[in-house]
Amino acid sequence: MTNPPARLTIYQQLLSELAELDKRIEQARARERVHAIETIHGLMDTYGIKHKDLVGRNGRRGAYQVNALPARYRDPATGQEWCGRGNVPRWIREQDRTRFLID
């Protein structure tokens, strides 16, 4: 059996070095992450920042606030109201909506 070409040996050596670097990178990241979290908590305490101020609905950044819309339609029988957005209530489906408009 012959010796493998020198390139393969260099390649294997580089892969070994890469694995060692990946390990060292992950260790450094873990150490620095702990410090970053401590810093963030300190800033949150100092400025009264809450988690919801940073992460809104569905993990998106920024606060997500829904302002209630005024009702545009009212069911005369039950008094239920609907703003005209979202799922259409049963009491108004397939009917002329002008009958239910709130003045």
PDB file of N, CA and C in Angstrom:
ATOM      1  N   MET A   1       0.837  -1.170   0.000  1.00  0.00           N
ATOM      2  CA  MET A   1       0.000   0.000   0.000  1.00  0.00           C
ATOM      3  C   MET A   1       0.883   1.234   0.000  1.00  0.00           C
ATOM      4  N   THR A   2       0.479   2.240  -0.746  1.00  0.00           N
ATOM      5  CA  THR A   2       1.293   3.448  -0.863  1.00  0.00           C
ATOM      6  C   THR A   2       0.822   4.496   0.113  1.00  0.00           C
ATOM      7  N   ASN A   3       1.687   5.448   0.394  1.00  0.00           N
ATOM      8  CA  ASN A   3       1.319   6.563   1.269  1.00  0.00           C
ATOM      9  C   ASN A   3       0.336   7.467   0.549  1.00  0.00           C
ATOM     10  N   PRO A   4      -0.621   8.074   1.315  1.00  0.00           N
ATOM     11  CA  PRO A   4      -1.565   8.985   0.670  1.00  0.00           C
ATOM     12  C   PRO A   4      -0.827  10.223   0.179  1.00  0.00           C
ATOM     13  N   PRO A   5      -1.379  10.889  -0.839  1.00  0.00           N
ATOM     14  CA  PRO A   5      -0.736  12.100  -1.345  1.00  0.00           C
ATOM     15  C   PRO A   5      -0.614  13.145  -0.236  1.00  0.00           C
ATOM     16  N   ALA A   6       0.361  14.021  -0.378  1.00  0.00           N
ATOM     17  CA  ALA A   6       0.627  15.036   0.632  1.00  0.00           C
ATOM     18  C   ALA A   6      -0.582  15.967   0.818  1.00  0.00           C
ATOM     19  N   ARG A   7      -1.341  16.227  -0.235  1.00  0.00           N
ATOM     20  CA  ARG A   7      -2.508  17.112  -0.148  1.00  0.00           C
ATOM     21  C   ARG A   7      -3.544  16.561   0.826  1.00  0.00           C
ATOM     22  N   LEU A   8      -3.782  15.284   0.790  1.00  0.00           N
ATOM     23  CA  LEU A   8      -4.751  14.689   1.680  1.00  0.00           C
ATOM     24  C   LEU A   8      -4.317  14.868   3.128  1.00  0.00           C
ATOM     25  N   THR A   9      -3.045  14.730   3.381  1.00  0.00           N
ATOM     26  CA  THR A   9      -2.533  14.922   4.734  1.00  0.00           C
ATOM     27  C   THR A   9      -2.730  16.369   5.167  1.00  0.00           C
ATOM     28  N   ILE A  10      -2.445  17.301   4.282  1.00  0.00           N
ATOM     29  CA  ILE A  10      -2.658  18.722   4.590  1.00  0.00           C
ATOM     30  C   ILE A  10      -4.148  18.979   4.798  1.00  0.00           C
ATOM     31  N   TYR A  11      -4.970  18.387   3.965  1.00  0.00           N
ATOM     32  CA  TYR A  11      -6.412  18.549   4.076  1.00  0.00           C
ATOM     33  C   TYR A  11      -6.904  18.036   5.429  1.00  0.00           C
ATOM     34  N   GLN A  12      -6.451  16.857   5.809  1.00  0.00           N
ATOM     35  CA  GLN A  12      -6.853  16.294   7.098  1.00  0.00           C
ATOM     36  C   GLN A  12      -6.370  17.180   8.250  1.00  0.00           C
ATOM     37  N   GLN A  13      -5.173  17.714   8.137  1.00  0.00           N
ATOM     38  CA  GLN A  13      -4.629  18.588   9.169  1.00  0.00           C
ATOM     39  C   GLN A  13      -5.478  19.862   9.274  1.00  0.00           C
ATOM     40  N   LEU A  14      -5.842  20.423   8.134  1.00  0.00           N
ATOM     41  CA  LEU A  14      -6.669  21.632   8.132  1.00  0.00           C
ATOM     42  C   LEU A  14      -8.056  21.358   8.727  1.00  0.00           C
ATOM     43  N   LEU A  15      -8.631  20.200   8.419  1.00  0.00           N
ATOM     44  CA  LEU A  15      -9.927  19.841   9.005  1.00  0.00           C
ATOM     45  C   LEU A  15      -9.830  19.729  10.519  1.00  0.00           C
ATOM     46  N   SER A  16      -8.740  19.160  10.985  1.00  0.00           N
ATOM     47  CA  SER A  16      -8.519  19.030  12.428  1.00  0.00           C
ATOM     48  C   SER A  16      -8.398  20.413  13.067  1.00  0.00           C
ATOM     49  N   GLU A  17      -7.653  21.313  12.424  1.00  0.00           N
ATOM     50  CA  GLU A  17      -7.508  22.675  12.938  1.00  0.00           C
ATOM     51  C   GLU A  17      -8.851  23.406  12.931  1.00  0.00           C
ATOM     52  N   LEU A  18      -9.628  23.170  11.886  1.00  0.00           N
ATOM     53  CA  LEU A  18     -10.943  23.801  11.792  1.00  0.00           C
ATOM     54  C   LEU A  18     -11.851  23.330  12.923  1.00  0.00           C
ATOM     55  N   ALA A  19     -11.845  22.039  13.203  1.00  0.00           N
ATOM     56  CA  ALA A  19     -12.660  21.503  14.294  1.00  0.00           C
ATOM     57  C   ALA A  19     -12.238  22.122  15.622  1.00  0.00           C
ATOM     58  N   GLU A  20     -10.923  22.270  15.836  1.00  0.00           N
ATOM     59  CA  GLU A  20     -10.426  22.889  17.070  1.00  0.00           C
ATOM     60  C   GLU A  20     -10.846  24.359  17.140  1.00  0.00           C
ATOM     61  N   LEU A  21     -10.750  25.075  16.028  1.00  0.00           N
ATOM     62  CA  LEU A  21     -11.180  26.478  15.999  1.00  0.00           C
ATOM     63  C   LEU A  21     -12.682  26.606  16.269  1.00  0.00           C
ATOM     64  N   ASP A  22     -13.478  25.727  15.667  1.00  0.00           N
ATOM     65  CA  ASP A  22     -14.923  25.755  15.903  1.00  0.00           C
ATOM     66  C   ASP A  22     -15.228  25.563  17.386  1.00  0.00           C
ATOM     67  N   LYS A  23     -14.511  24.666  18.012  1.00  0.00           N
ATOM     68  CA  LYS A  23     -14.691  24.410  19.442  1.00  0.00           C
ATOM     69  C   LYS A  23     -14.329  25.652  20.255  1.00  0.00           C
ATOM     70  N   ARG A  24     -13.196  26.289  19.930  1.00  0.00           N
ATOM     71  CA  ARG A  24     -12.761  27.480  20.649  1.00  0.00           C
ATOM     72  C   ARG A  24     -13.714  28.651  20.412  1.00  0.00           C
ATOM     73  N   ILE A  25     -14.236  28.766  19.190  1.00  0.00           N
ATOM     74  CA  ILE A  25     -15.196  29.824  18.864  1.00  0.00           C
ATOM     75  C   ILE A  25     -16.456  29.656  19.700  1.00  0.00           C
ATOM     76  N   GLU A  26     -16.959  28.447  19.805  1.00  0.00           N
ATOM     77  CA  GLU A  26     -18.175  28.196  20.572  1.00  0.00           C
ATOM     78  C   GLU A  26     -17.959  28.487  22.058  1.00  0.00           C
ATOM     79  N   GLN A  27     -16.801  28.134  22.590  1.00  0.00           N
ATOM     80  CA  GLN A  27     -16.489  28.422  23.990  1.00  0.00           C
ATOM     81  C   GLN A  27     -16.432  29.933  24.233  1.00  0.00           C
ATOM     82  N   ALA A  28     -15.783  30.668  23.328  1.00  0.00           N
ATOM     83  CA  ALA A  28     -15.688  32.125  23.466  1.00  0.00           C
ATOM     84  C   ALA A  28     -17.070  32.757  23.363  1.00  0.00           C
ATOM     85  N   ARG A  29     -17.883  32.265  22.452  1.00  0.00           N
ATOM     86  CA  ARG A  29     -19.247  32.782  22.281  1.00  0.00           C
ATOM     87  C   ARG A  29     -20.059  32.571  23.548  1.00  0.00           C
ATOM     88  N   ALA A  30     -19.943  31.393  24.151  1.00  0.00           N
ATOM     89  CA  ALA A  30     -20.701  31.092  25.363  1.00  0.00           C
ATOM     90  C   ALA A  30     -20.273  32.012  26.509  1.00  0.00           C
ATOM     91  N   ARG A  31     -18.959  32.244  26.653  1.00  0.00           N
ATOM     92  CA  ARG A  31     -18.470  33.141  27.709  1.00  0.00           C
ATOM     93  C   ARG A  31     -18.969  34.564  27.490  1.00  0.00           C
ATOM     94  N   GLU A  32     -18.853  35.055  26.267  1.00  0.00           N
ATOM     95  CA  GLU A  32     -19.254  36.434  25.968  1.00  0.00           C
ATOM     96  C   GLU A  32     -20.771  36.606  26.020  1.00  0.00           C
ATOM     97  N   ARG A  33     -21.508  35.544  25.723  1.00  0.00           N
ATOM     98  CA  ARG A  33     -22.969  35.602  25.767  1.00  0.00           C
ATOM     99  C   ARG A  33     -23.439  35.866  27.195  1.00  0.00           C
ATOM    100  N   VAL A  34     -22.817  35.211  28.167  1.00  0.00           N
ATOM    101  CA  VAL A  34     -23.177  35.420  29.567  1.00  0.00           C
ATOM    102  C   VAL A  34     -22.981  36.895  29.934  1.00  0.00           C
ATOM    103  N   HIS A  35     -21.861  37.468  29.532  1.00  0.00           N
ATOM    104  CA  HIS A  35     -21.585  38.879  29.814  1.00  0.00           C
ATOM    105  C   HIS A  35     -22.605  39.785  29.101  1.00  0.00           C
ATOM    106  N   ALA A  36     -22.936  39.453  27.867  1.00  0.00           N
ATOM    107  CA  ALA A  36     -23.899  40.258  27.107  1.00  0.00           C
ATOM    108  C   ALA A  36     -25.267  40.243  27.790  1.00  0.00           C
ATOM    109  N   ILE A  37     -25.696  39.091  28.269  1.00  0.00           N
ATOM    110  CA  ILE A  37     -26.995  38.985  28.938  1.00  0.00           C
ATOM    111  C   ILE A  37     -26.994  39.818  30.216  1.00  0.00           C
ATOM    112  N   GLU A  38     -25.907  39.767  30.978  1.00  0.00           N
ATOM    113  CA  GLU A  38     -25.801  40.575  32.198  1.00  0.00           C
ATOM    114  C   GLU A  38     -25.887  42.065  31.858  1.00  0.00           C
ATOM    115  N   THR A  39     -25.219  42.486  30.799  1.00  0.00           N
ATOM    116  CA  THR A  39     -25.250  43.885  30.377  1.00  0.00           C
ATOM    117  C   THR A  39     -26.665  44.296  29.979  1.00  0.00           C
ATOM    118  N   ILE A  40     -27.325  43.454  29.230  1.00  0.00           N
ATOM    119  CA  ILE A  40     -28.687  43.750  28.776  1.00  0.00           C
ATOM    120  C   ILE A  40     -29.629  43.858  29.973  1.00  0.00           C
ATOM    121  N   HIS A  41     -29.518  42.930  30.912  1.00  0.00           N
ATOM    122  CA  HIS A  41     -30.377  42.987  32.107  1.00  0.00           C
ATOM    123  C   HIS A  41     -30.128  44.270  32.888  1.00  0.00           C
ATOM    124  N   GLY A  42     -28.869  44.669  33.000  1.00  0.00           N
ATOM    125  CA  GLY A  42     -28.545  45.911  33.696  1.00  0.00           C
ATOM    126  C   GLY A  42     -29.180  47.113  33.025  1.00  0.00           C
ATOM    127  N   LEU A  43     -29.096  47.170  31.693  1.00  0.00           N
ATOM    128  CA  LEU A  43     -29.711  48.285  30.957  1.00  0.00           C
ATOM    129  C   LEU A  43     -31.234  48.262  31.083  1.00  0.00           C
ATOM    130  N   MET A  44     -31.815  47.078  31.055  1.00  0.00           N
ATOM    131  CA  MET A  44     -33.265  46.964  31.196  1.00  0.00           C
ATOM    132  C   MET A  44     -33.703  47.468  32.571  1.00  0.00           C
ATOM    133  N   ASP A  45     -32.946  47.107  33.616  1.00  0.00           N
ATOM    134  CA  ASP A  45     -33.268  47.577  34.968  1.00  0.00           C
ATOM    135  C   ASP A  45     -33.106  49.090  35.069  1.00  0.00           C
ATOM    136  N   THR A  46     -32.026  49.605  34.515  1.00  0.00           N
ATOM    137  CA  THR A  46     -31.744  51.045  34.594  1.00  0.00           C
ATOM    138  C   THR A  46     -32.838  51.876  33.922  1.00  0.00           C
ATOM    139  N   TYR A  47     -33.275  51.460  32.764  1.00  0.00           N
ATOM    140  CA  TYR A  47     -34.226  52.249  31.979  1.00  0.00           C
ATOM    141  C   TYR A  47     -35.663  51.742  32.058  1.00  0.00           C
ATOM    142  N   GLY A  48     -35.909  50.746  32.884  1.00  0.00           N
ATOM    143  CA  GLY A  48     -37.273  50.232  33.040  1.00  0.00           C
ATOM    144  C   GLY A  48     -37.823  49.607  31.778  1.00  0.00           C
ATOM    145  N   ILE A  49     -36.969  48.945  31.030  1.00  0.00           N
ATOM    146  CA  ILE A  49     -37.389  48.312  29.776  1.00  0.00           C
ATOM    147  C   ILE A  49     -37.926  46.916  30.093  1.00  0.00           C
ATOM    148  N   LYS A  50     -39.092  46.615  29.580  1.00  0.00           N
ATOM    149  CA  LYS A  50     -39.712  45.308  29.757  1.00  0.00           C
ATOM    150  C   LYS A  50     -39.489  44.459  28.509  1.00  0.00           C
ATOM    151  N   HIS A  51     -39.611  43.148  28.681  1.00  0.00           N
ATOM    152  CA  HIS A  51     -39.437  42.227  27.552  1.00  0.00           C
ATOM    153  C   HIS A  51     -40.387  42.566  26.413  1.00  0.00           C
ATOM    154  N   LYS A  52     -41.621  42.913  26.742  1.00  0.00           N
ATOM    155  CA  LYS A  52     -42.605  43.225  25.692  1.00  0.00           C
ATOM    156  C   LYS A  52     -42.235  44.471  24.903  1.00  0.00           C
ATOM    157  N   ASP A  53     -41.399  45.356  25.500  1.00  0.00           N
ATOM    158  CA  ASP A  53     -40.927  46.532  24.771  1.00  0.00           C
ATOM    159  C   ASP A  53     -39.947  46.142  23.669  1.00  0.00           C
ATOM    160  N   LEU A  54     -39.255  45.034  23.870  1.00  0.00           N
ATOM    161  CA  LEU A  54     -38.247  44.591  22.911  1.00  0.00           C
ATOM    162  C   LEU A  54     -38.807  43.632  21.876  1.00  0.00           C
ATOM    163  N   VAL A  55     -39.646  42.729  22.323  1.00  0.00           N
ATOM    164  CA  VAL A  55     -40.174  41.699  21.433  1.00  0.00           C
ATOM    165  C   VAL A  55     -41.681  41.770  21.481  1.00  0.00           C
ATOM    166  N   GLY A  56     -42.261  42.039  20.341  1.00  0.00           N
ATOM    167  CA  GLY A  56     -43.712  42.160  20.271  1.00  0.00           C
ATOM    168  C   GLY A  56     -44.362  40.850  19.912  1.00  0.00           C
ATOM    169  N   ARG A  57     -45.470  40.939  19.293  1.00  0.00           N
ATOM    170  CA  ARG A  57     -46.270  39.787  18.904  1.00  0.00           C
ATOM    171  C   ARG A  57     -45.476  38.867  17.984  1.00  0.00           C
ATOM    172  N   ASN A  58     -45.570  37.591  18.217  1.00  0.00           N
ATOM    173  CA  ASN A  58     -44.918  36.560  17.395  1.00  0.00           C
ATOM    174  C   ASN A  58     -43.409  36.721  17.320  1.00  0.00           C
ATOM    175  N   GLY A  59     -42.811  37.298  18.349  1.00  0.00           N
ATOM    176  CA  GLY A  59     -41.363  37.423  18.373  1.00  0.00           C
ATOM    177  C   GLY A  59     -40.799  38.530  17.527  1.00  0.00           C
ATOM    178  N   ARG A  60     -41.650  39.328  16.939  1.00  0.00           N
ATOM    179  CA  ARG A  60     -41.155  40.445  16.136  1.00  0.00           C
ATOM    180  C   ARG A  60     -40.622  41.535  17.040  1.00  0.00           C
ATOM    181  N   ARG A  61     -39.670  42.281  16.553  1.00  0.00           N
ATOM    182  CA  ARG A  61     -39.100  43.370  17.345  1.00  0.00           C
ATOM    183  C   ARG A  61     -40.057  44.540  17.409  1.00  0.00           C
ATOM    184  N   GLY A  62     -40.005  45.230  18.519  1.00  0.00           N
ATOM    185  CA  GLY A  62     -40.830  46.406  18.698  1.00  0.00           C
ATOM    186  C   GLY A  62     -42.154  46.068  19.341  1.00  0.00           C
ATOM    187  N   ALA A  63     -42.742  47.034  19.967  1.00  0.00           N
ATOM    188  CA  ALA A  63     -44.023  46.838  20.636  1.00  0.00           C
ATOM    189  C   ALA A  63     -45.123  46.672  19.600  1.00  0.00           C
ATOM    190  N   TYR A  64     -46.036  45.789  19.872  1.00  0.00           N
ATOM    191  CA  TYR A  64     -47.177  45.560  18.990  1.00  0.00           C
ATOM    192  C   TYR A  64     -48.419  45.896  19.787  1.00  0.00           C
ATOM    193  N   GLN A  65     -49.055  46.986  19.436  1.00  0.00           N
ATOM    194  CA  GLN A  65     -50.251  47.396  20.134  1.00  0.00           C
ATOM    195  C   GLN A  65     -51.377  47.521  19.129  1.00  0.00           C
ATOM    196  N   VAL A  66     -52.518  47.040  19.540  1.00  0.00           N
ATOM    197  CA  VAL A  66     -53.699  47.127  18.693  1.00  0.00           C
ATOM    198  C   VAL A  66     -54.634  48.148  19.317  1.00  0.00           C
ATOM    199  N   ASN A  67     -54.942  49.160  18.570  1.00  0.00           N
ATOM    200  CA  ASN A  67     -55.907  50.154  19.033  1.00  0.00           C
ATOM    201  C   ASN A  67     -57.296  49.690  18.625  1.00  0.00           C
ATOM    202  N   ALA A  68     -58.203  49.685  19.574  1.00  0.00           N
ATOM    203  CA  ALA A  68     -59.567  49.261  19.287  1.00  0.00           C
ATOM    204  C   ALA A  68     -60.202  50.231  18.304  1.00  0.00           C
ATOM    205  N   LEU A  69     -60.864  49.672  17.313  1.00  0.00           N
ATOM    206  CA  LEU A  69     -61.560  50.495  16.328  1.00  0.00           C
ATOM    207  C   LEU A  69     -62.990  50.725  16.787  1.00  0.00           C
ATOM    208  N   PRO A  70     -63.556  51.849  16.446  1.00  0.00           N
ATOM    209  CA  PRO A  70     -64.947  52.089  16.832  1.00  0.00           C
ATOM    210  C   PRO A  70     -65.879  51.176  16.047  1.00  0.00           C
ATOM    211  N   ALA A  71     -66.964  50.793  16.677  1.00  0.00           N
ATOM    212  CA  ALA A  71     -67.944  49.918  16.032  1.00  0.00           C
ATOM    213  C   ALA A  71     -68.625  50.665  14.892  1.00  0.00           C
ATOM    214  N   ARG A  72     -68.833  49.973  13.783  1.00  0.00           N
ATOM    215  CA  ARG A  72     -69.538  50.567  12.638  1.00  0.00           C
ATOM    216  C   ARG A  72     -70.907  49.920  12.438  1.00  0.00           C
ATOM    217  N   TYR A  73     -71.064  48.700  12.963  1.00  0.00           N
ATOM    218  CA  TYR A  73     -72.312  47.959  12.759  1.00  0.00           C
ATOM    219  C   TYR A  73     -72.825  47.448  14.102  1.00  0.00           C
ATOM    220  N   ARG A  74     -74.155  47.429  14.263  1.00  0.00           N
ATOM    221  CA  ARG A  74     -74.763  46.918  15.493  1.00  0.00           C
ATOM    222  C   ARG A  74     -75.946  46.034  15.128  1.00  0.00           C
ATOM    223  N   ASP A  75     -76.035  44.907  15.833  1.00  0.00           N
ATOM    224  CA  ASP A  75     -77.170  43.998  15.662  1.00  0.00           C
ATOM    225  C   ASP A  75     -78.307  44.529  16.537  1.00  0.00           C
ATOM    226  N   PRO A  76     -79.432  44.934  15.947  1.00  0.00           N
ATOM    227  CA  PRO A  76     -80.513  45.495  16.753  1.00  0.00           C
ATOM    228  C   PRO A  76     -81.120  44.480  17.725  1.00  0.00           C
ATOM    229  N   ALA A  77     -81.054  43.204  17.398  1.00  0.00           N
ATOM    230  CA  ALA A  77     -81.663  42.189  18.252  1.00  0.00           C
ATOM    231  C   ALA A  77     -80.840  41.929  19.510  1.00  0.00           C
ATOM    232  N   THR A  78     -79.518  41.873  19.385  1.00  0.00           N
ATOM    233  CA  THR A  78     -78.673  41.507  20.532  1.00  0.00           C
ATOM    234  C   THR A  78     -77.824  42.659  21.042  1.00  0.00           C
ATOM    235  N   GLY A  79     -77.645  43.681  20.230  1.00  0.00           N
ATOM    236  CA  GLY A  79     -76.792  44.800  20.620  1.00  0.00           C
ATOM    237  C   GLY A  79     -75.311  44.543  20.359  1.00  0.00           C
ATOM    238  N   GLN A  80     -74.984  43.402  19.778  1.00  0.00           N
ATOM    239  CA  GLN A  80     -73.587  43.113  19.451  1.00  0.00           C
ATOM    240  C   GLN A  80     -73.105  44.098  18.399  1.00  0.00           C
ATOM    241  N   GLU A  81     -71.806  44.452  18.518  1.00  0.00           N
ATOM    242  CA  GLU A  81     -71.231  45.418  17.588  1.00  0.00           C
ATOM    243  C   GLU A  81     -70.050  44.796  16.853  1.00  0.00           C
ATOM    244  N   TRP A  82     -69.771  45.367  15.679  1.00  0.00           N
ATOM    245  CA  TRP A  82     -68.658  44.908  14.857  1.00  0.00           C
ATOM    246  C   TRP A  82     -68.039  46.125  14.175  1.00  0.00           C
ATOM    247  N   CYS A  83     -66.712  46.174  14.132  1.00  0.00           N
ATOM    248  CA  CYS A  83     -66.022  47.339  13.562  1.00  0.00           C
ATOM    249  C   CYS A  83     -65.910  47.263  12.042  1.00  0.00           C
ATOM    250  N   GLY A  84     -66.135  46.102  11.455  1.00  0.00           N
ATOM    251  CA  GLY A  84     -66.043  45.964  10.005  1.00  0.00           C
ATOM    252  C   GLY A  84     -64.764  45.274   9.562  1.00  0.00           C
ATOM    253  N   ARG A  85     -63.922  44.888  10.502  1.00  0.00           N
ATOM    254  CA  ARG A  85     -62.682  44.168  10.177  1.00  0.00           C
ATOM    255  C   ARG A  85     -62.702  42.800  10.829  1.00  0.00           C
ATOM    256  N   GLY A  86     -61.945  41.904  10.239  1.00  0.00           N
ATOM    257  CA  GLY A  86     -61.859  40.563  10.814  1.00  0.00           C
ATOM    258  C   GLY A  86     -63.002  39.685  10.331  1.00  0.00           C
ATOM    259  N   ASN A  87     -63.218  38.600  11.069  1.00  0.00           N
ATOM    260  CA  ASN A  87     -64.279  37.666  10.692  1.00  0.00           C
ATOM    261  C   ASN A  87     -65.638  38.336  10.786  1.00  0.00           C
ATOM    262  N   VAL A  88     -66.453  38.058   9.793  1.00  0.00           N
ATOM    263  CA  VAL A  88     -67.790  38.652   9.742  1.00  0.00           C
ATOM    264  C   VAL A  88     -68.691  37.881  10.701  1.00  0.00           C
ATOM    265  N   PRO A  89     -69.371  38.573  11.624  1.00  0.00           N
ATOM    266  CA  PRO A  89     -70.279  37.884  12.548  1.00  0.00           C
ATOM    267  C   PRO A  89     -71.453  37.256  11.816  1.00  0.00           C
ATOM    268  N   ARG A  90     -71.997  36.214  12.407  1.00  0.00           N
ATOM    269  CA  ARG A  90     -73.116  35.502  11.777  1.00  0.00           C
ATOM    270  C   ARG A  90     -74.321  36.402  11.553  1.00  0.00           C
ATOM    271  N   TRP A  91     -74.571  37.304  12.492  1.00  0.00           N
ATOM    272  CA  TRP A  91     -75.772  38.119  12.408  1.00  0.00           C
ATOM    273  C   TRP A  91     -75.760  39.091  11.239  1.00  0.00           C
ATOM    274  N   ILE A  92     -74.593  39.296  10.593  1.00  0.00           N
ATOM    275  CA  ILE A  92     -74.528  40.248   9.475  1.00  0.00           C
ATOM    276  C   ILE A  92     -74.132  39.574   8.158  1.00  0.00           C
ATOM    277  N   ARG A  93     -73.755  38.305   8.226  1.00  0.00           N
ATOM    278  CA  ARG A  93     -73.316  37.596   7.011  1.00  0.00           C
ATOM    279  C   ARG A  93     -74.426  37.552   5.971  1.00  0.00           C
ATOM    280  N   GLU A  94     -73.994  37.758   4.722  1.00  0.00           N
ATOM    281  CA  GLU A  94     -74.883  37.647   3.560  1.00  0.00           C
ATOM    282  C   GLU A  94     -76.126  38.525   3.684  1.00  0.00           C
ATOM    283  N   GLN A  95     -75.976  39.673   4.343  1.00  0.00           N
ATOM    284  CA  GLN A  95     -77.082  40.616   4.461  1.00  0.00           C
ATOM    285  C   GLN A  95     -76.591  41.987   4.020  1.00  0.00           C
ATOM    286  N   ASP A  96     -77.521  42.869   3.785  1.00  0.00           N
ATOM    287  CA  ASP A  96     -77.162  44.240   3.429  1.00  0.00           C
ATOM    288  C   ASP A  96     -76.651  44.936   4.681  1.00  0.00           C
ATOM    289  N   ARG A  97     -75.397  45.295   4.689  1.00  0.00           N
ATOM    290  CA  ARG A  97     -74.764  45.860   5.883  1.00  0.00           C
ATOM    291  C   ARG A  97     -75.254  47.262   6.211  1.00  0.00           C
ATOM    292  N   THR A  98     -75.817  47.958   5.226  1.00  0.00           N
ATOM    293  CA  THR A  98     -76.286  49.324   5.500  1.00  0.00           C
ATOM    294  C   THR A  98     -77.396  49.334   6.542  1.00  0.00           C
ATOM    295  N   ARG A  99     -78.137  48.228   6.669  1.00  0.00           N
ATOM    296  CA  ARG A  99     -79.195  48.134   7.682  1.00  0.00           C
ATOM    297  C   ARG A  99     -78.634  48.190   9.090  1.00  0.00           C
ATOM    298  N   PHE A 100     -77.371  47.771   9.273  1.00  0.00           N
ATOM    299  CA  PHE A 100     -76.777  47.637  10.584  1.00  0.00           C
ATOM    300  C   PHE A 100     -75.822  48.776  10.936  1.00  0.00           C
ATOM    301  N   LEU A 101     -75.665  49.749  10.018  1.00  0.00           N
ATOM    302  CA  LEU A 101     -74.731  50.848  10.268  1.00  0.00           C
ATOM    303  C   LEU A 101     -75.130  51.652  11.505  1.00  0.00           C
ATOM    304  N   ILE A 102     -74.126  52.047  12.271  1.00  0.00           N
ATOM    305  CA  ILE A 102     -74.344  52.898  13.434  1.00  0.00           C
ATOM    306  C   ILE A 102     -74.162  54.338  12.974  1.00  0.00           C
ATOM    307  N   ASP A 103     -75.105  55.199  13.300  1.00  0.00           N
ATOM    308  CA  ASP A 103     -75.021  56.602  12.895  1.00  0.00           C
ATOM    309  C   ASP A 103     -74.056  57.358  13.747  1.00  0.00           C
TER     310      ASP A 103
END
